Each structure stands twice: as structure tokens, then as C-alpha cells.
Protein backbone atom coordinates (compact mmCIF):
# COMPACT_ATOMS: atom_id res chain seq x y z
CA UNK A 1 -27.83 -22.04 -9.61
CA UNK A 2 -24.53 -23.89 -9.78
CA UNK A 3 -24.73 -27.64 -10.25
CA UNK A 4 -23.78 -29.75 -7.27
CA UNK A 5 -20.42 -31.44 -7.67
CA UNK A 6 -20.78 -35.21 -8.08
CA UNK A 7 -19.67 -37.21 -5.06
CA UNK A 8 -18.96 -40.76 -4.03
CA UNK A 9 -19.30 -42.44 -0.65
CA UNK A 10 -16.12 -43.78 0.96
CA UNK A 11 -15.07 -45.36 4.22
CA UNK A 12 -12.35 -43.70 6.30
CA UNK A 13 -10.40 -44.94 9.35
CA UNK A 14 -11.39 -42.99 12.47
CA UNK A 15 -10.14 -43.08 16.03
CA UNK A 16 -6.90 -43.20 17.99
CA UNK A 17 -4.23 -45.70 17.01
CA UNK A 18 -3.55 -48.17 19.79
CA UNK A 19 -6.80 -47.30 21.56
CA UNK A 20 -9.75 -47.69 19.25
CA UNK A 21 -9.90 -47.43 15.46
CA UNK A 22 -13.09 -47.85 13.49
CA UNK A 23 -14.53 -46.66 10.22
CA UNK A 24 -16.82 -43.82 9.21
CA UNK A 25 -18.50 -43.12 5.91
CA UNK A 26 -18.29 -39.76 4.15
CA UNK A 27 -19.39 -38.26 0.86
CA UNK A 28 -16.37 -36.89 -1.00
CA UNK A 29 -15.88 -35.42 -4.50
CA UNK A 30 -15.53 -38.04 -7.19
CA UNK A 31 -12.01 -36.82 -8.00
CA UNK A 32 -10.83 -37.05 -4.38
CA UNK A 33 -7.85 -39.33 -3.73
CA UNK A 34 -8.71 -42.65 -2.08
CA UNK A 35 -8.52 -42.70 1.74
CA UNK A 36 -5.26 -43.73 3.37
CA UNK A 37 -5.25 -46.95 5.38
CA UNK A 38 -4.64 -46.89 9.16
CA UNK A 39 -1.17 -45.77 10.27
CA UNK A 40 0.06 -49.29 11.01
CA UNK A 41 -0.48 -50.20 7.37
CA UNK A 42 1.47 -47.25 5.94
CA UNK A 43 5.06 -47.69 4.74
CA UNK A 44 6.35 -44.09 4.90
CA UNK A 45 3.93 -41.72 6.66
CA UNK A 46 4.39 -41.91 10.42
CA UNK A 47 7.53 -44.03 10.15
CA UNK A 48 11.00 -42.95 11.34
CA UNK A 49 13.16 -41.74 8.47
CA UNK A 50 16.89 -41.08 8.93
CA UNK A 51 17.72 -37.40 8.42
CA UNK A 52 19.99 -36.78 5.46
CA UNK A 53 22.36 -34.63 7.51
CA UNK A 54 21.98 -36.42 10.86
CA UNK A 55 25.37 -38.15 10.84
CA UNK A 56 27.15 -34.95 9.78
CA UNK A 57 25.53 -32.98 12.60
CA UNK A 58 26.11 -35.44 15.44
CA UNK A 59 29.72 -36.03 14.39
CA UNK A 60 30.55 -32.35 14.01
CA UNK A 61 31.18 -32.64 10.29
CA UNK A 62 28.30 -30.32 9.34
CA UNK A 63 29.53 -26.88 8.29
CA UNK A 64 27.73 -23.96 9.93
CA UNK A 65 28.26 -20.31 9.09
CA UNK A 66 30.73 -19.85 11.97
CA UNK A 67 32.88 -22.59 10.40
CA UNK A 68 33.45 -20.59 7.20
CA UNK A 69 37.04 -19.37 6.98
CA UNK A 70 38.07 -17.56 3.79
CA UNK A 71 41.54 -16.42 2.80
CA UNK A 72 42.13 -12.83 3.91
CA UNK A 73 38.84 -12.72 5.79
CA UNK A 74 38.20 -9.62 7.89
CA UNK A 75 36.13 -9.57 11.07
CA UNK A 76 33.43 -6.98 11.65
CA UNK A 77 32.31 -5.45 14.93
CA UNK A 78 29.75 -2.75 15.70
CA UNK A 79 29.98 0.12 18.17
CA UNK A 80 26.53 0.63 19.70
CA UNK A 81 24.92 3.47 21.59
CA UNK A 82 24.61 3.02 25.38
CA UNK A 83 21.80 5.59 25.62
CA UNK A 84 18.03 5.21 25.28
CA UNK A 85 17.85 8.45 23.27
CA UNK A 86 20.65 10.75 22.24
CA UNK A 87 21.83 13.11 19.55
CA UNK A 88 25.25 12.28 18.19
CA UNK A 89 27.28 15.47 18.47
CA UNK A 90 30.51 14.12 17.01
CA UNK A 91 32.33 10.92 16.08
CA UNK A 92 36.11 10.64 16.05
CA UNK A 93 37.37 7.47 14.34
CA UNK A 94 40.94 8.63 13.60
CA UNK A 95 42.58 6.49 16.30
CA UNK A 96 40.68 3.40 15.18
CA UNK A 97 41.67 4.02 11.56
CA UNK A 98 45.34 4.17 12.59
CA UNK A 99 45.19 0.75 14.28
CA UNK A 100 47.61 -1.46 12.32
CA UNK A 101 45.14 -4.34 11.97
CA UNK A 102 42.09 -2.26 11.02
CA UNK A 103 41.16 -2.24 7.34
CA UNK A 104 37.95 -0.20 7.35
CA UNK A 105 35.93 2.06 9.63
CA UNK A 106 32.43 3.09 8.58
CA UNK A 107 29.97 5.46 10.26
CA UNK A 108 26.51 3.91 9.88
CA UNK A 109 23.97 6.40 8.58
CA UNK A 110 21.02 4.11 8.01
CA UNK A 111 19.73 1.14 10.00
CA UNK A 112 17.73 -1.22 7.83
CA UNK A 113 14.47 -2.39 9.34
CA UNK A 114 13.64 0.59 11.54
CA UNK A 115 10.61 2.77 10.88
CA UNK A 116 10.84 5.27 8.02
CA UNK A 117 10.19 8.87 9.07
CA UNK A 118 8.17 11.27 6.93
CA UNK A 119 11.03 13.78 7.14
CA UNK A 120 14.23 11.70 6.92
CA UNK A 121 16.79 12.73 9.50
CA UNK A 122 19.64 12.50 7.01
CA UNK A 123 17.98 15.16 4.85
CA UNK A 124 17.96 17.57 7.77
CA UNK A 125 21.44 16.64 8.95
CA UNK A 126 24.28 17.74 6.70
CA UNK A 127 26.70 15.52 8.61
CA UNK A 128 24.47 12.50 7.87
CA UNK A 129 24.84 11.30 11.45
CA UNK A 130 21.44 10.18 12.76
CA UNK A 131 20.13 10.20 16.29
CA UNK A 132 20.56 7.20 18.54
CA UNK A 133 16.90 6.38 19.25
CA UNK A 134 17.47 3.31 21.44
CA UNK A 135 20.08 1.45 23.45
CA UNK A 136 22.14 -0.72 21.12
CA UNK A 137 21.60 1.12 17.84
CA UNK A 138 24.76 0.62 15.71
CA UNK A 139 26.84 3.76 15.31
CA UNK A 140 30.14 2.69 13.74
CA UNK A 141 31.31 -0.52 12.04
CA UNK A 142 34.92 -1.70 12.12
CA UNK A 143 36.63 -4.39 10.02
CA UNK A 144 39.97 -5.80 11.15
CA UNK A 145 42.19 -8.79 10.50
CA UNK A 146 41.18 -10.49 13.80
CA UNK A 147 38.15 -10.31 16.09
CA UNK A 148 40.41 -9.08 18.90
CA UNK A 149 41.72 -6.21 16.78
CA UNK A 150 38.18 -5.22 15.79
CA UNK A 151 37.15 -5.19 19.46
CA UNK A 152 40.19 -3.12 20.40
CA UNK A 153 39.42 -0.62 17.64
CA UNK A 154 35.94 -0.05 19.00
CA UNK A 155 37.52 1.20 22.21
CA UNK A 156 39.49 3.81 20.24
CA UNK A 157 36.39 5.44 18.75
CA UNK A 158 35.20 8.58 20.54
CA UNK A 159 31.52 9.46 20.31
CA UNK A 160 30.09 12.57 21.96
CA UNK A 161 26.40 12.22 22.82
CA UNK A 162 23.80 14.76 23.86
CA UNK A 163 21.41 12.69 25.95
CA UNK A 164 17.77 13.50 25.11
CA UNK A 165 14.51 12.87 26.97
CA UNK A 166 13.17 9.36 26.47
CA UNK A 167 10.33 7.12 27.50
CA UNK A 168 10.41 3.35 27.98
CA UNK A 169 6.99 2.72 29.54
CA UNK A 170 4.21 2.02 27.06
CA UNK A 171 1.51 3.87 29.02
CA UNK A 172 3.75 6.90 29.50
CA UNK A 173 4.70 6.87 25.82
CA UNK A 174 1.02 7.09 24.83
CA UNK A 175 0.37 10.27 26.80
CA UNK A 176 0.17 13.64 25.02
CA UNK A 177 3.43 15.48 25.44
CA UNK A 178 5.49 12.33 25.94
CA UNK A 179 9.03 12.45 24.50
CA UNK A 180 8.72 11.67 20.82
CA UNK A 181 10.30 8.43 19.66
CA UNK A 182 10.68 9.90 16.15
CA UNK A 183 11.22 13.47 14.97
CA UNK A 184 8.30 13.22 12.56
CA UNK A 185 5.43 10.78 11.92
CA UNK A 186 6.57 7.52 10.40
CA UNK A 187 5.28 5.83 7.27
CA UNK A 188 2.89 3.06 8.23
CA UNK A 189 -0.18 1.17 7.14
CA UNK A 190 -2.50 -1.27 8.81
CA UNK A 191 -1.13 -4.77 8.51
CA UNK A 192 -2.67 -8.15 7.81
CA UNK A 193 -0.38 -11.13 7.96
CA UNK A 194 2.69 -8.90 7.74
CA UNK A 195 1.52 -7.26 4.49
CA UNK A 196 0.33 -3.62 4.28
CA UNK A 197 -3.45 -3.63 4.17
CA UNK A 198 -5.81 -0.72 3.69
CA UNK A 199 -5.12 3.00 4.02
CA UNK A 200 -2.35 4.56 6.03
CA UNK A 201 -3.19 5.05 9.69
CA UNK A 202 -2.66 8.56 11.04
CA UNK A 203 -0.23 9.18 13.88
CA UNK A 204 -0.55 11.57 16.83
CA UNK A 205 2.51 11.78 19.04
CA UNK A 206 3.73 8.23 19.60
CA UNK A 207 0.30 6.71 18.93
CA UNK A 208 -0.93 5.51 15.57
CA UNK A 209 -4.64 5.12 15.01
CA UNK A 210 -7.20 4.09 16.01
CA UNK A 211 -8.00 2.28 12.79
CA UNK A 212 -11.78 2.55 12.28
CA UNK A 213 -11.86 1.21 8.74
CA UNK A 214 -13.88 -1.90 7.95
CA UNK A 215 -16.57 -3.77 9.85
CA UNK A 216 -15.65 -4.63 13.42
CA UNK A 217 -18.97 -5.72 14.86
CA UNK A 218 -21.26 -3.89 17.29
CA UNK A 219 -19.54 -3.78 20.68
CA UNK A 220 -22.24 -1.76 22.56
CA UNK A 221 -25.00 -4.18 21.55
CA UNK A 222 -22.72 -7.10 22.28
CA UNK A 223 -22.15 -5.90 25.83
CA UNK A 224 -25.85 -5.15 26.26
CA UNK A 225 -26.79 -8.69 25.25
CA UNK A 226 -24.11 -10.38 27.35
CA UNK A 227 -25.10 -12.23 30.52
CA UNK A 228 -21.76 -11.47 32.14
CA UNK A 229 -19.09 -8.85 31.40
CA UNK A 230 -15.59 -9.56 32.69
CA UNK A 231 -13.05 -6.75 32.63
CA UNK A 232 -9.34 -7.11 33.26
CA UNK A 233 -5.90 -5.94 32.23
CA UNK A 234 -3.25 -8.52 31.40
CA UNK A 235 0.45 -7.98 30.71
CA UNK A 236 3.37 -10.20 29.95
CA UNK A 237 7.00 -9.78 28.99
CA UNK A 238 8.30 -10.07 25.46
CA UNK A 239 8.77 -13.72 24.60
CA UNK A 240 11.07 -14.84 21.85
CA UNK A 241 12.55 -18.05 20.60
CA UNK A 242 16.19 -18.93 21.18
CA UNK A 243 18.14 -20.90 18.59
CA UNK A 244 21.10 -23.07 19.52
CA UNK A 245 22.99 -21.60 16.57
CA UNK A 246 23.27 -17.84 16.92
CA UNK A 247 23.29 -15.36 14.05
CA UNK A 248 26.42 -15.21 11.90
CA UNK A 249 27.32 -14.02 8.43
CA UNK A 250 30.28 -14.06 6.03
CA UNK A 251 30.23 -11.86 2.92
CA UNK A 252 32.60 -12.64 0.07
CA UNK A 253 32.86 -9.96 -2.63
CA UNK A 254 34.35 -10.96 -5.97
CA UNK A 255 34.52 -9.38 -9.41
CA UNK A 256 31.60 -11.55 -10.54
CA UNK A 257 29.35 -10.77 -7.58
CA UNK A 258 28.57 -11.41 -3.93
CA UNK A 259 28.48 -14.72 -2.08
CA UNK A 260 27.00 -14.69 1.41
CA UNK A 261 27.29 -17.50 3.91
CA UNK A 262 24.46 -16.93 6.33
CA UNK A 263 22.32 -18.72 8.86
CA UNK A 264 18.94 -18.11 7.25
CA UNK A 265 15.66 -19.90 6.62
CA UNK A 266 14.95 -18.00 3.39
CA UNK A 267 17.82 -18.10 0.90
CA UNK A 268 15.76 -16.77 -2.01
CA UNK A 269 14.40 -13.86 0.03
CA UNK A 270 17.83 -12.91 1.35
CA UNK A 271 19.23 -13.01 -2.18
CA UNK A 272 16.51 -10.62 -3.38
CA UNK A 273 17.08 -8.36 -0.37
CA UNK A 274 20.83 -8.13 -0.95
CA UNK A 275 20.43 -7.62 -4.69
CA UNK A 276 18.14 -4.68 -4.04
CA UNK A 277 20.33 -3.21 -1.29
CA UNK A 278 23.55 -3.32 -3.30
CA UNK A 279 22.03 -2.65 -6.74
CA UNK A 280 23.09 -6.01 -8.15
CA UNK A 281 21.24 -8.35 -10.52
CA UNK A 282 20.05 -11.43 -8.68
CA UNK A 283 22.26 -13.69 -10.74
CA UNK A 284 25.27 -11.99 -9.14
CA UNK A 285 24.15 -12.76 -5.57
CA UNK A 286 24.58 -16.22 -4.05
CA UNK A 287 23.36 -17.25 -0.57
CA UNK A 288 24.82 -20.42 0.96
CA UNK A 289 23.42 -22.30 3.96
CA UNK A 290 25.17 -25.61 4.52
CA UNK A 291 23.61 -26.28 7.92
CA UNK A 292 21.46 -24.25 10.28
CA UNK A 293 20.95 -24.76 13.99
CA UNK A 294 17.41 -23.51 14.40
CA UNK A 295 15.46 -20.53 13.14
CA UNK A 296 11.79 -20.52 14.22
CA UNK A 297 11.10 -17.38 12.18
CA UNK A 298 14.04 -15.30 13.44
CA UNK A 299 16.32 -15.94 10.46
CA UNK A 300 14.45 -14.63 7.46
CA UNK A 301 16.35 -11.40 6.79
CA UNK A 302 19.88 -10.12 6.35
CA UNK A 303 19.97 -6.89 8.33
CA UNK A 304 23.38 -7.71 9.82
CA UNK A 305 25.06 -7.23 6.44
CA UNK A 306 22.84 -4.47 5.12
CA UNK A 307 23.44 -2.35 8.23
CA UNK A 308 27.05 -2.10 7.13
CA UNK A 309 26.09 -0.74 3.68
CA UNK A 310 29.08 0.34 1.63
CA UNK A 311 31.27 -0.81 4.55
CA UNK A 312 30.68 -4.40 3.43
CA UNK A 313 31.50 -3.53 -0.16
CA UNK A 314 34.71 -1.75 0.84
CA UNK A 315 35.86 -4.65 2.99
CA UNK A 316 35.48 -7.20 0.21
CA UNK A 317 35.49 -10.19 2.55
CA UNK A 318 33.96 -9.64 5.94
CA UNK A 319 32.66 -11.91 8.70
CA UNK A 320 30.02 -10.87 11.17
CA UNK A 321 30.30 -12.00 14.78
CA UNK A 322 28.78 -15.37 15.70
CA UNK A 323 26.47 -14.09 18.39
CA UNK A 324 22.81 -13.29 18.69
CA UNK A 325 23.66 -9.64 19.10
CA UNK A 326 26.79 -8.18 17.59
CA UNK A 327 29.00 -6.47 20.18
């Protein structure tokens, strides 16, 4: 039997400041730090502290990603699918390529972040032009000397779509025989805290699971022992945070590596992501965030740049649009 850790008895402030504050006694480990005094006796905790960048932000001196202007910088825009589900029959970018202010046009063959299919579409498609599985999926990227030229070039691109059956209602999507979201089952595991956990869960149609692994209690006995059983169905819309600063990115390619100016909460993670995507050592990737206007968990990744793939490399110096969703 393990020996009990030695303790000491200490007095701790307890209550609500400004209402009633007293003391309570507790046994704590001998090595525990001494208790803090009440808030009104503290010098730093609970006291207002001027933000280091407060003056720069309120005076407009703080430099956000949209403020980055590099010599010879190109501006990127994305052409997106207007259909919920379609096969791309053909793409004609010749007119866009002839635009005098366009420097690069790139057909996007892989969208980072979407589910990975067991049978990759590109392997079955010699033209390497994937389906458009949802409204807004990027199809073509354009880089031009001005944002206006990039926008104009998008209008010169001709895409022929074969519209396919689709489903947008969750209940309808779960039914046998519903239009398939993917051509083949996708790779997927059960998740715990965003990390793959346990064995892969099987997929039938558009439904994955159920996952019956592990102990999940005894529902039948629980219902039998309950005094009251309340049944109901509850639905709500998707809720997401909205940052005052929208997404933006500037990629600067040099002989010694890649520098990315990006509104992100996770510079180290983005650096690792870009290094892996572009097959670069991490010491040749630099991520710069001078100031950021909100994140709340929505600015951890760098899919805007990675979606462009070798397009970004070819452009050398490319800025993504300062908007929550690229046009």
C-alpha cells in the first residue's frame, strides 16, 4: 500500500470580493505553494495591465496581413464551382492565360482538408480533374498583377459541368440509395479530442458506423430504472465564430526558402504544415504574424495556400484575398 503523502494545514481566503470574504482551512501537500492573499492585496493578478500592442492597434500602426505589400506581388483568386455536385467535363483556361496581367493559371487537382477516398479520384481520372462535390469547391487558381485583373481572368475561364444527383438534407443523405457524397468509402477513424482513436469505423453509403467499441453503459437497464423518460428531437443551425480580421495570406518565395505572412494562431503548426506540403526543411519556412484580429480556433491551418499547390511555387510571390472566403 502506497504511503500517504505528507500534508500541512493552511488557511485560504474564501468568498466573493466586495461581498463577503472569509477563511477556510484545508490540508494540502507539504510542497504546495503558499496560498495567495485576497485579490485586493495582490499587485499583478487581477489588476489592469496595458497591452503591449494596444497603442499600435488603436492608432492603426499595427501591421496585419492585409497590410503586407511586397515588390512585384501577385494577387490570387479562385474560381469555384456553383453546383452542389458535378463532374467537370472540361476546363478551358486559354483566354485567361492570354490576359496581359495574368502571370499564372493553375487547375486545382487536390483540395487539402477534405476527406480522403479509398480509391483516389485522380488515380481513376487520367485528366486529373476531380469532381466538384460541393458548392464553392475551388476549381482554378489565377495569379495576376492586380486583384481586378485576377477577377477579370476568372470570367474568361470556361468550365463545362455535368450536374450530378446530390443530397443536402442530413436525413435524406442517411437513407440507403441516397446519392453518394464520395465515389468510394473514405478513410476515417473514431476521434477523441481531434485525434484518431481506436479502429477504423466502417462506412455504408453516406453513413459511418455505428461505433460499438468500448464500454458505453447499459442503456436498456438505465431506461428501466428511470422514473421518467423524456424523448425529443432537437436541431439547430451551424454556429461559427466571426473574427473582425478576415483570412488573408501572402507567400514570398525566395532562393533560401518560403516566408508566409498569415493571420494564424499557430505559427509553429503552420510552418510544419507548409514544410510537409512543399517538401522543405522546416528551417526554410518562416511564418510571420505581426498582429491578428481574432481567431477563436478558426485560424490554425494554412489551407488557403496549400490549395494552390505548385501554383504558389510558380508564382513566387502571391497574396491571397483578404476575405473570409476567397472569391
